């Protein structure tokens, strides 16, 4: 039997594949629309399929015992996720690892948060053998801050002053791989489990500027909380519905923050076997990489 990874060509999916291959001992398949164009590492079998194509999903699920479900940012993300879980249940999949979101139950006005929380409700009410992973804001999103940081000495994402326990995508990939392998190697269906995927620090407008100033060896200031500016900037690269979703998310970050409890951090550390990576580590790595070209 095999592990099927959806979202396999994205930032998180690539990390999941990498950690699964590093651990070894499992058949790994990656769902992709175009297997002929896929460039997966040795040991990964490309499988044609799409979460919006139920018949294709049924074919892709043949011989699969464990599923990593990462639904895409799409207007019908919720429908795709719910249908994929139903197809997996029909196929007799014994384990699922679902990528949800941190604070999904609280941020009810943010569409992709509420959608992911609804998927969690299906998992609970249908008693699916699943691990729910709830990542906070991805640290690696801030790779996009290179130009404003290096050119203008400005950190431009309006995260606010309340604090966000940002998570490194490498920790997401490792956590997912560990849970996929635990469920794949079990002779029986395991009970549900939930982890908040978070960093060890609450990153605020003040601390993020300080961290980058230290890493870059220059003065760095926070660009402010103006969400109109954010929306206009994002419109150049993303559709309007997604841009507005991101604006609503940032508004809630500014209003309420997204800070993990020590118990949540410790729970993740137990899964990883170490403390989660910090934002300061990421900033130091990026500063060194940018300096070396």
C-alpha atoms as a PDB file:
ATOM      1  CA  UNK A   1       0.000   0.000   0.000  1.00  0.00           C
ATOM      2  CA  UNK A   2       1.053   3.601  -0.492  1.00  0.00           C
ATOM      3  CA  UNK A   3       0.960   7.160   0.824  1.00  0.00           C
ATOM      4  CA  UNK A   4      -0.659   9.669  -1.533  1.00  0.00           C
ATOM      5  CA  UNK A   5       0.446  13.301  -1.218  1.00  0.00           C
ATOM      6  CA  UNK A   6      -1.824  16.025  -2.610  1.00  0.00           C
ATOM      7  CA  UNK A   7      -0.592  19.568  -3.157  1.00  0.00           C
ATOM      8  CA  UNK A   8       2.660  17.841  -4.041  1.00  0.00           C
ATOM      9  CA  UNK A   9       4.170  20.594  -6.199  1.00  0.00           C
ATOM     10  CA  UNK A  10       3.674  23.407  -3.686  1.00  0.00           C
ATOM     11  CA  UNK A  11       5.947  24.689  -0.940  1.00  0.00           C
ATOM     12  CA  UNK A  12       4.488  22.426   1.766  1.00  0.00           C
ATOM     13  CA  UNK A  13       3.969  19.408  -0.486  1.00  0.00           C
ATOM     14  CA  UNK A  14       7.619  19.411  -1.530  1.00  0.00           C
ATOM     15  CA  UNK A  15       8.661  19.439   2.119  1.00  0.00           C
ATOM     16  CA  UNK A  16       6.349  16.511   2.894  1.00  0.00           C
ATOM     17  CA  UNK A  17       7.828  14.475   0.025  1.00  0.00           C
ATOM     18  CA  UNK A  18      11.368  15.326   1.095  1.00  0.00           C
ATOM     19  CA  UNK A  19      10.809  14.183   4.676  1.00  0.00           C
ATOM     20  CA  UNK A  20       8.973  11.016   3.623  1.00  0.00           C
ATOM     21  CA  UNK A  21      11.845  10.038   1.336  1.00  0.00           C
ATOM     22  CA  UNK A  22      14.438  10.841   4.005  1.00  0.00           C
ATOM     23  CA  UNK A  23      12.656   8.523   6.443  1.00  0.00           C
ATOM     24  CA  UNK A  24      12.376   5.742   3.851  1.00  0.00           C
ATOM     25  CA  UNK A  25      10.391   2.535   3.955  1.00  0.00           C
ATOM     26  CA  UNK A  26       7.149   3.709   2.352  1.00  0.00           C
ATOM     27  CA  UNK A  27       5.727   3.829  -1.143  1.00  0.00           C
ATOM     28  CA  UNK A  28       5.124   7.479  -1.940  1.00  0.00           C
ATOM     29  CA  UNK A  29       2.805   8.775  -4.652  1.00  0.00           C
ATOM     30  CA  UNK A  30       2.259  12.407  -5.609  1.00  0.00           C
ATOM     31  CA  UNK A  31      -0.977  13.673  -7.131  1.00  0.00           C
ATOM     32  CA  UNK A  32      -0.455  16.035 -10.070  1.00  0.00           C
ATOM     33  CA  UNK A  33      -2.475  17.274 -13.012  1.00  0.00           C
ATOM     34  CA  UNK A  34       0.409  16.616 -15.417  1.00  0.00           C
ATOM     35  CA  UNK A  35       2.555  13.580 -14.516  1.00  0.00           C
ATOM     36  CA  UNK A  36       4.489  13.966 -17.763  1.00  0.00           C
ATOM     37  CA  UNK A  37       5.757  17.365 -16.606  1.00  0.00           C
ATOM     38  CA  UNK A  38       6.343  16.423 -12.979  1.00  0.00           C
ATOM     39  CA  UNK A  39       9.888  16.584 -11.671  1.00  0.00           C
ATOM     40  CA  UNK A  40       9.654  14.637  -8.467  1.00  0.00           C
ATOM     41  CA  UNK A  41      12.717  13.132  -6.784  1.00  0.00           C
ATOM     42  CA  UNK A  42      13.574   9.469  -7.210  1.00  0.00           C
ATOM     43  CA  UNK A  43      11.306   7.317  -5.096  1.00  0.00           C
ATOM     44  CA  UNK A  44       8.141   9.333  -5.785  1.00  0.00           C
ATOM     45  CA  UNK A  45       5.569   8.025  -8.273  1.00  0.00           C
ATOM     46  CA  UNK A  46       3.574  10.702 -10.090  1.00  0.00           C
ATOM     47  CA  UNK A  47      -0.173   9.979 -10.252  1.00  0.00           C
ATOM     48  CA  UNK A  48      -2.526  11.899 -12.529  1.00  0.00           C
ATOM     49  CA  UNK A  49      -5.414  13.564 -10.752  1.00  0.00           C
ATOM     50  CA  UNK A  50      -7.032  16.699  -9.410  1.00  0.00           C
ATOM     51  CA  UNK A  51      -9.102  17.297  -6.285  1.00  0.00           C
ATOM     52  CA  UNK A  52     -11.887  18.754  -8.416  1.00  0.00           C
ATOM     53  CA  UNK A  53     -12.168  15.544 -10.505  1.00  0.00           C
ATOM     54  CA  UNK A  54     -13.981  12.861  -8.499  1.00  0.00           C
ATOM     55  CA  UNK A  55     -13.491  10.070 -11.062  1.00  0.00           C
ATOM     56  CA  UNK A  56      -9.802  10.887 -11.303  1.00  0.00           C
ATOM     57  CA  UNK A  57      -9.548  10.873  -7.508  1.00  0.00           C
ATOM     58  CA  UNK A  58     -11.131   7.435  -7.368  1.00  0.00           C
ATOM     59  CA  UNK A  59      -8.500   6.118  -9.768  1.00  0.00           C
ATOM     60  CA  UNK A  60      -5.680   7.846  -7.876  1.00  0.00           C
ATOM     61  CA  UNK A  61      -6.884   6.410  -4.556  1.00  0.00           C
ATOM     62  CA  UNK A  62      -6.538   2.819  -5.798  1.00  0.00           C
ATOM     63  CA  UNK A  63      -3.934   1.090  -3.643  1.00  0.00           C
ATOM     64  CA  UNK A  64      -3.593   4.044  -1.269  1.00  0.00           C
ATOM     65  CA  UNK A  65      -3.686   3.402   2.466  1.00  0.00           C
ATOM     66  CA  UNK A  66      -2.700   6.842   3.825  1.00  0.00           C
ATOM     67  CA  UNK A  67      -3.541  10.295   2.469  1.00  0.00           C
ATOM     68  CA  UNK A  68      -1.992  13.725   2.922  1.00  0.00           C
ATOM     69  CA  UNK A  69      -4.725  16.229   2.116  1.00  0.00           C
ATOM     70  CA  UNK A  70      -3.729  19.763   1.234  1.00  0.00           C
ATOM     71  CA  UNK A  71      -6.595  21.508  -0.553  1.00  0.00           C
ATOM     72  CA  UNK A  72      -5.604  24.382  -2.873  1.00  0.00           C
ATOM     73  CA  UNK A  73      -6.423  28.050  -2.419  1.00  0.00           C
ATOM     74  CA  UNK A  74      -9.424  28.059  -4.742  1.00  0.00           C
ATOM     75  CA  UNK A  75     -13.010  29.367  -4.627  1.00  0.00           C
ATOM     76  CA  UNK A  76     -14.228  25.763  -4.234  1.00  0.00           C
ATOM     77  CA  UNK A  77     -11.541  24.666  -1.761  1.00  0.00           C
ATOM     78  CA  UNK A  78     -14.149  23.431   0.720  1.00  0.00           C
ATOM     79  CA  UNK A  79     -15.980  21.305  -1.848  1.00  0.00           C
ATOM     80  CA  UNK A  80     -12.718  19.787  -3.081  1.00  0.00           C
ATOM     81  CA  UNK A  81     -11.602  18.888   0.447  1.00  0.00           C
ATOM     82  CA  UNK A  82     -14.920  17.373   1.519  1.00  0.00           C
ATOM     83  CA  UNK A  83     -15.248  15.308  -1.643  1.00  0.00           C
ATOM     84  CA  UNK A  84     -11.657  14.081  -1.372  1.00  0.00           C
ATOM     85  CA  UNK A  85     -12.272  12.858   2.172  1.00  0.00           C
ATOM     86  CA  UNK A  86     -15.426  11.066   1.041  1.00  0.00           C
ATOM     87  CA  UNK A  87     -13.581   9.369  -1.824  1.00  0.00           C
ATOM     88  CA  UNK A  88     -10.812   8.341   0.582  1.00  0.00           C
ATOM     89  CA  UNK A  89     -13.367   6.899   2.993  1.00  0.00           C
ATOM     90  CA  UNK A  90     -15.015   4.934   0.157  1.00  0.00           C
ATOM     91  CA  UNK A  91     -11.586   3.607  -0.863  1.00  0.00           C
ATOM     92  CA  UNK A  92     -10.915   2.302   2.655  1.00  0.00           C
ATOM     93  CA  UNK A  93      -7.983   4.607   3.386  1.00  0.00           C
ATOM     94  CA  UNK A  94      -6.904   3.854   6.957  1.00  0.00           C
ATOM     95  CA  UNK A  95      -5.233   7.168   7.759  1.00  0.00           C
ATOM     96  CA  UNK A  96      -5.443  10.836   6.769  1.00  0.00           C
ATOM     97  CA  UNK A  97      -3.269  13.828   7.585  1.00  0.00           C
ATOM     98  CA  UNK A  98      -5.179  17.027   6.859  1.00  0.00           C
ATOM     99  CA  UNK A  99      -3.563  20.460   6.617  1.00  0.00           C
ATOM    100  CA  UNK A 100      -5.954  22.901   8.285  1.00  0.00           C
ATOM    101  CA  UNK A 101      -5.092  26.297   9.794  1.00  0.00           C
ATOM    102  CA  UNK A 102      -4.292  27.771  13.211  1.00  0.00           C
ATOM    103  CA  UNK A 103      -7.264  29.711  14.686  1.00  0.00           C
ATOM    104  CA  UNK A 104      -9.682  28.254  12.124  1.00  0.00           C
ATOM    105  CA  UNK A 105     -12.538  28.096  14.626  1.00  0.00           C
ATOM    106  CA  UNK A 106     -12.040  31.696  15.785  1.00  0.00           C
ATOM    107  CA  UNK A 107     -11.510  33.593  12.512  1.00  0.00           C
ATOM    108  CA  UNK A 108     -15.057  32.983  11.299  1.00  0.00           C
ATOM    109  CA  UNK A 109     -15.022  35.907   8.835  1.00  0.00           C
ATOM    110  CA  UNK A 110     -11.926  34.702   6.955  1.00  0.00           C
ATOM    111  CA  UNK A 111     -13.168  32.380   4.191  1.00  0.00           C
ATOM    112  CA  UNK A 112     -10.292  29.904   4.003  1.00  0.00           C
ATOM    113  CA  UNK A 113     -10.126  29.646   7.805  1.00  0.00           C
ATOM    114  CA  UNK A 114     -13.835  28.849   8.094  1.00  0.00           C
ATOM    115  CA  UNK A 115     -13.620  26.415   5.168  1.00  0.00           C
ATOM    116  CA  UNK A 116     -10.818  24.455   6.796  1.00  0.00           C
ATOM    117  CA  UNK A 117     -12.659  24.406  10.115  1.00  0.00           C
ATOM    118  CA  UNK A 118     -15.690  22.945   8.304  1.00  0.00           C
ATOM    119  CA  UNK A 119     -13.474  20.139   6.976  1.00  0.00           C
ATOM    120  CA  UNK A 120     -12.378  19.489  10.555  1.00  0.00           C
ATOM    121  CA  UNK A 121     -16.052  19.163  11.504  1.00  0.00           C
ATOM    122  CA  UNK A 122     -16.505  16.465   8.857  1.00  0.00           C
ATOM    123  CA  UNK A 123     -13.457  14.619  10.169  1.00  0.00           C
ATOM    124  CA  UNK A 124     -14.867  14.732  13.693  1.00  0.00           C
ATOM    125  CA  UNK A 125     -18.493  13.903  12.919  1.00  0.00           C
ATOM    126  CA  UNK A 126     -17.611  11.084  10.501  1.00  0.00           C
ATOM    127  CA  UNK A 127     -15.014   9.764  12.966  1.00  0.00           C
ATOM    128  CA  UNK A 128     -12.315   9.657  10.301  1.00  0.00           C
ATOM    129  CA  UNK A 129      -8.908   8.267  11.335  1.00  0.00           C
ATOM    130  CA  UNK A 130      -7.083  11.553  10.840  1.00  0.00           C
ATOM    131  CA  UNK A 131      -4.402  13.829  12.181  1.00  0.00           C
ATOM    132  CA  UNK A 132      -5.330  17.489  11.821  1.00  0.00           C
ATOM    133  CA  UNK A 133      -2.385  19.849  11.468  1.00  0.00           C
ATOM    134  CA  UNK A 134      -3.103  23.537  12.056  1.00  0.00           C
ATOM    135  CA  UNK A 135      -0.243  25.689  10.763  1.00  0.00           C
ATOM    136  CA  UNK A 136       0.088  29.354  11.624  1.00  0.00           C
ATOM    137  CA  UNK A 137       1.308  31.967   9.132  1.00  0.00           C
ATOM    138  CA  UNK A 138       4.224  30.510   7.162  1.00  0.00           C
ATOM    139  CA  UNK A 139       7.586  32.054   8.027  1.00  0.00           C
ATOM    140  CA  UNK A 140       8.731  31.481   4.437  1.00  0.00           C
ATOM    141  CA  UNK A 141       6.042  33.871   3.176  1.00  0.00           C
ATOM    142  CA  UNK A 142       8.480  36.564   4.240  1.00  0.00           C
ATOM    143  CA  UNK A 143      11.032  35.576   1.612  1.00  0.00           C
ATOM    144  CA  UNK A 144       8.983  38.035  -0.453  1.00  0.00           C
ATOM    145  CA  UNK A 145      10.188  40.823   1.853  1.00  0.00           C
ATOM    146  CA  UNK A 146      13.693  40.671   0.339  1.00  0.00           C
ATOM    147  CA  UNK A 147      13.349  43.706  -1.931  1.00  0.00           C
ATOM    148  CA  UNK A 148      11.744  46.092   0.595  1.00  0.00           C
ATOM    149  CA  UNK A 149      14.135  44.978   3.319  1.00  0.00           C
ATOM    150  CA  UNK A 150      17.327  45.244   1.276  1.00  0.00           C
ATOM    151  CA  UNK A 151      16.373  48.287  -0.805  1.00  0.00           C
ATOM    152  CA  UNK A 152      14.360  50.394   1.626  1.00  0.00           C
ATOM    153  CA  UNK A 153      14.982  48.891   5.069  1.00  0.00           C
ATOM    154  CA  UNK A 154      11.263  48.235   5.454  1.00  0.00           C
ATOM    155  CA  UNK A 155       9.348  45.153   6.537  1.00  0.00           C
ATOM    156  CA  UNK A 156       6.149  45.474   4.539  1.00  0.00           C
ATOM    157  CA  UNK A 157       3.687  42.834   5.750  1.00  0.00           C
ATOM    158  CA  UNK A 158       1.075  44.474   8.042  1.00  0.00           C
ATOM    159  CA  UNK A 159       1.083  41.807  10.766  1.00  0.00           C
ATOM    160  CA  UNK A 160       0.138  44.186  13.591  1.00  0.00           C
ATOM    161  CA  UNK A 161       1.220  44.415  17.204  1.00  0.00           C
ATOM    162  CA  UNK A 162      -0.670  41.508  18.800  1.00  0.00           C
ATOM    163  CA  UNK A 163       1.744  38.746  17.721  1.00  0.00           C
ATOM    164  CA  UNK A 164       1.746  35.712  15.422  1.00  0.00           C
ATOM    165  CA  UNK A 165       3.422  32.388  16.254  1.00  0.00           C
ATOM    166  CA  UNK A 166       4.750  31.941  12.706  1.00  0.00           C
ATOM    167  CA  UNK A 167       5.809  28.430  11.648  1.00  0.00           C
ATOM    168  CA  UNK A 168       8.659  27.261   9.438  1.00  0.00           C
ATOM    169  CA  UNK A 169       7.428  25.215   6.448  1.00  0.00           C
ATOM    170  CA  UNK A 170      10.192  22.688   7.085  1.00  0.00           C
ATOM    171  CA  UNK A 171       8.554  21.931  10.431  1.00  0.00           C
ATOM    172  CA  UNK A 172       5.197  21.537   8.673  1.00  0.00           C
ATOM    173  CA  UNK A 173       6.703  19.016   6.255  1.00  0.00           C
ATOM    174  CA  UNK A 174       8.409  17.049   8.993  1.00  0.00           C
ATOM    175  CA  UNK A 175       5.326  16.967  11.227  1.00  0.00           C
ATOM    176  CA  UNK A 176       3.161  15.786   8.335  1.00  0.00           C
ATOM    177  CA  UNK A 177       5.646  13.099   7.314  1.00  0.00           C
ATOM    178  CA  UNK A 178       5.936  11.784  10.854  1.00  0.00           C
ATOM    179  CA  UNK A 179       2.173  11.454  11.197  1.00  0.00           C
ATOM    180  CA  UNK A 180       1.757   9.940   7.724  1.00  0.00           C
ATOM    181  CA  UNK A 181       4.350   7.284   8.494  1.00  0.00           C
ATOM    182  CA  UNK A 182       2.898   6.579  11.939  1.00  0.00           C
ATOM    183  CA  UNK A 183      -0.502   5.930  10.417  1.00  0.00           C
ATOM    184  CA  UNK A 184       0.878   4.054   7.408  1.00  0.00           C
ATOM    185  CA  UNK A 185       2.922   1.685   9.585  1.00  0.00           C
ATOM    186  CA  UNK A 186       0.102   0.948  12.015  1.00  0.00           C
ATOM    187  CA  UNK A 187      -1.731  -2.342  11.541  1.00  0.00           C
ATOM    188  CA  UNK A 188      -4.979  -0.690  12.666  1.00  0.00           C
ATOM    189  CA  UNK A 189      -6.795   2.615  12.264  1.00  0.00           C
ATOM    190  CA  UNK A 190      -5.462   5.071  14.832  1.00  0.00           C
ATOM    191  CA  UNK A 191      -7.608   7.585  16.737  1.00  0.00           C
ATOM    192  CA  UNK A 192      -7.799  11.248  15.778  1.00  0.00           C
ATOM    193  CA  UNK A 193      -5.027  13.620  16.752  1.00  0.00           C
ATOM    194  CA  UNK A 194      -4.552  17.388  16.426  1.00  0.00           C
ATOM    195  CA  UNK A 195      -1.438  19.551  16.437  1.00  0.00           C
ATOM    196  CA  UNK A 196      -1.054  23.301  16.218  1.00  0.00           C
ATOM    197  CA  UNK A 197       1.955  23.913  13.961  1.00  0.00           C
ATOM    198  CA  UNK A 198       3.465  27.047  15.425  1.00  0.00           C
ATOM    199  CA  UNK A 199       6.751  28.742  16.138  1.00  0.00           C
ATOM    200  CA  UNK A 200       8.215  29.315  19.607  1.00  0.00           C
ATOM    201  CA  UNK A 201       7.892  33.116  19.486  1.00  0.00           C
ATOM    202  CA  UNK A 202       5.086  35.648  19.009  1.00  0.00           C
ATOM    203  CA  UNK A 203       6.278  37.854  16.154  1.00  0.00           C
ATOM    204  CA  UNK A 204       4.974  41.428  16.296  1.00  0.00           C
ATOM    205  CA  UNK A 205       5.500  44.600  14.263  1.00  0.00           C
ATOM    206  CA  UNK A 206       8.130  45.634  16.790  1.00  0.00           C
ATOM    207  CA  UNK A 207       9.989  42.339  17.116  1.00  0.00           C
ATOM    208  CA  UNK A 208      10.043  41.583  13.383  1.00  0.00           C
ATOM    209  CA  UNK A 209      11.777  44.885  12.627  1.00  0.00           C
ATOM    210  CA  UNK A 210      14.285  44.238  15.414  1.00  0.00           C
ATOM    211  CA  UNK A 211      15.028  40.708  14.180  1.00  0.00           C
ATOM    212  CA  UNK A 212      15.653  41.859  10.615  1.00  0.00           C
ATOM    213  CA  UNK A 213      17.792  44.783  11.769  1.00  0.00           C
ATOM    214  CA  UNK A 214      19.987  42.357  13.679  1.00  0.00           C
ATOM    215  CA  UNK A 215      20.159  39.847  10.819  1.00  0.00           C
ATOM    216  CA  UNK A 216      20.919  42.431   8.118  1.00  0.00           C
ATOM    217  CA  UNK A 217      23.088  44.729  10.188  1.00  0.00           C
ATOM    218  CA  UNK A 218      21.100  47.803   9.196  1.00  0.00           C
ATOM    219  CA  UNK A 219      18.189  49.900  10.353  1.00  0.00           C
ATOM    220  CA  UNK A 220      14.800  48.324   9.612  1.00  0.00           C
ATOM    221  CA  UNK A 221      11.364  49.824  10.269  1.00  0.00           C
ATOM    222  CA  UNK A 222       7.877  48.362  10.177  1.00  0.00           C
ATOM    223  CA  UNK A 223       5.853  49.549   7.182  1.00  0.00           C
ATOM    224  CA  UNK A 224       2.588  50.058   9.054  1.00  0.00           C
ATOM    225  CA  UNK A 225      -0.876  48.509   9.292  1.00  0.00           C
ATOM    226  CA  UNK A 226      -2.527  49.979   6.188  1.00  0.00           C
ATOM    227  CA  UNK A 227      -4.619  47.179   4.654  1.00  0.00           C
ATOM    228  CA  UNK A 228      -5.646  49.281   1.651  1.00  0.00           C
ATOM    229  CA  UNK A 229      -1.990  49.377   0.608  1.00  0.00           C
ATOM    230  CA  UNK A 230      -1.688  45.615   1.103  1.00  0.00           C
ATOM    231  CA  UNK A 231      -4.776  44.934  -0.998  1.00  0.00           C
ATOM    232  CA  UNK A 232      -3.583  47.096  -3.880  1.00  0.00           C
ATOM    233  CA  UNK A 233      -0.134  45.501  -3.819  1.00  0.00           C
ATOM    234  CA  UNK A 234      -1.476  41.930  -3.810  1.00  0.00           C
ATOM    235  CA  UNK A 235      -3.886  42.615  -6.684  1.00  0.00           C
ATOM    236  CA  UNK A 236      -0.921  42.688  -9.050  1.00  0.00           C
ATOM    237  CA  UNK A 237      -0.227  39.007  -8.408  1.00  0.00           C
ATOM    238  CA  UNK A 238      -3.446  37.322  -7.244  1.00  0.00           C
ATOM    239  CA  UNK A 239      -7.188  37.236  -8.062  1.00  0.00           C
ATOM    240  CA  UNK A 240      -9.480  39.606  -6.209  1.00  0.00           C
ATOM    241  CA  UNK A 241     -11.259  36.959  -4.121  1.00  0.00           C
ATOM    242  CA  UNK A 242      -7.928  35.669  -2.777  1.00  0.00           C
ATOM    243  CA  UNK A 243      -6.599  39.167  -2.136  1.00  0.00           C
ATOM    244  CA  UNK A 244      -9.671  40.026  -0.073  1.00  0.00           C
ATOM    245  CA  UNK A 245      -9.336  36.764   1.853  1.00  0.00           C
ATOM    246  CA  UNK A 246      -5.735  37.731   2.712  1.00  0.00           C
ATOM    247  CA  UNK A 247      -6.875  41.206   3.760  1.00  0.00           C
ATOM    248  CA  UNK A 248      -9.452  39.726   6.126  1.00  0.00           C
ATOM    249  CA  UNK A 249      -6.814  37.413   7.601  1.00  0.00           C
ATOM    250  CA  UNK A 250      -4.411  40.304   8.216  1.00  0.00           C
ATOM    251  CA  UNK A 251      -7.226  42.315   9.766  1.00  0.00           C
ATOM    252  CA  UNK A 252      -7.807  39.537  12.297  1.00  0.00           C
ATOM    253  CA  UNK A 253      -4.077  39.256  12.968  1.00  0.00           C
ATOM    254  CA  UNK A 254      -4.041  42.977  13.754  1.00  0.00           C
ATOM    255  CA  UNK A 255      -7.205  42.766  15.855  1.00  0.00           C
ATOM    256  CA  UNK A 256      -6.650  39.534  17.789  1.00  0.00           C
ATOM    257  CA  UNK A 257      -3.220  38.129  17.002  1.00  0.00           C
ATOM    258  CA  UNK A 258      -2.489  34.428  16.615  1.00  0.00           C
ATOM    259  CA  UNK A 259      -0.300  33.493  19.549  1.00  0.00           C
ATOM    260  CA  UNK A 260       0.215  29.865  20.540  1.00  0.00           C
ATOM    261  CA  UNK A 261       0.130  28.682  24.137  1.00  0.00           C
ATOM    262  CA  UNK A 262       3.163  27.039  25.696  1.00  0.00           C
ATOM    263  CA  UNK A 263       1.207  23.774  25.822  1.00  0.00           C
ATOM    264  CA  UNK A 264       0.637  23.925  22.055  1.00  0.00           C
ATOM    265  CA  UNK A 265       4.326  24.608  21.408  1.00  0.00           C
ATOM    266  CA  UNK A 266       5.333  21.741  23.697  1.00  0.00           C
ATOM    267  CA  UNK A 267       2.874  19.371  21.986  1.00  0.00           C
ATOM    268  CA  UNK A 268       4.461  20.106  18.609  1.00  0.00           C
ATOM    269  CA  UNK A 269       7.948  19.740  20.094  1.00  0.00           C
ATOM    270  CA  UNK A 270       6.983  16.250  21.262  1.00  0.00           C
ATOM    271  CA  UNK A 271       6.021  15.294  17.710  1.00  0.00           C
ATOM    272  CA  UNK A 272       9.185  16.787  16.175  1.00  0.00           C
ATOM    273  CA  UNK A 273      11.502  15.546  18.913  1.00  0.00           C
ATOM    274  CA  UNK A 274      12.881  19.092  19.238  1.00  0.00           C
ATOM    275  CA  UNK A 275      11.759  22.682  19.551  1.00  0.00           C
ATOM    276  CA  UNK A 276      10.179  24.212  16.432  1.00  0.00           C
ATOM    277  CA  UNK A 277      12.380  26.542  14.404  1.00  0.00           C
ATOM    278  CA  UNK A 278      12.277  30.229  15.283  1.00  0.00           C
ATOM    279  CA  UNK A 279      11.759  33.279  13.094  1.00  0.00           C
ATOM    280  CA  UNK A 280      15.170  34.573  14.183  1.00  0.00           C
ATOM    281  CA  UNK A 281      16.821  31.453  12.727  1.00  0.00           C
ATOM    282  CA  UNK A 282      14.997  31.982   9.430  1.00  0.00           C
ATOM    283  CA  UNK A 283      15.991  35.651   9.245  1.00  0.00           C
ATOM    284  CA  UNK A 284      19.652  34.804   9.868  1.00  0.00           C
ATOM    285  CA  UNK A 285      19.570  32.119   7.149  1.00  0.00           C
ATOM    286  CA  UNK A 286      17.940  34.461   4.635  1.00  0.00           C
ATOM    287  CA  UNK A 287      20.309  37.329   5.396  1.00  0.00           C
ATOM    288  CA  UNK A 288      23.286  35.029   4.792  1.00  0.00           C
ATOM    289  CA  UNK A 289      21.783  33.670   1.566  1.00  0.00           C
ATOM    290  CA  UNK A 290      20.976  37.150   0.231  1.00  0.00           C
ATOM    291  CA  UNK A 291      24.484  38.356   1.083  1.00  0.00           C
ATOM    292  CA  UNK A 292      25.995  35.455  -0.862  1.00  0.00           C
ATOM    293  CA  UNK A 293      23.732  36.032  -3.845  1.00  0.00           C
END
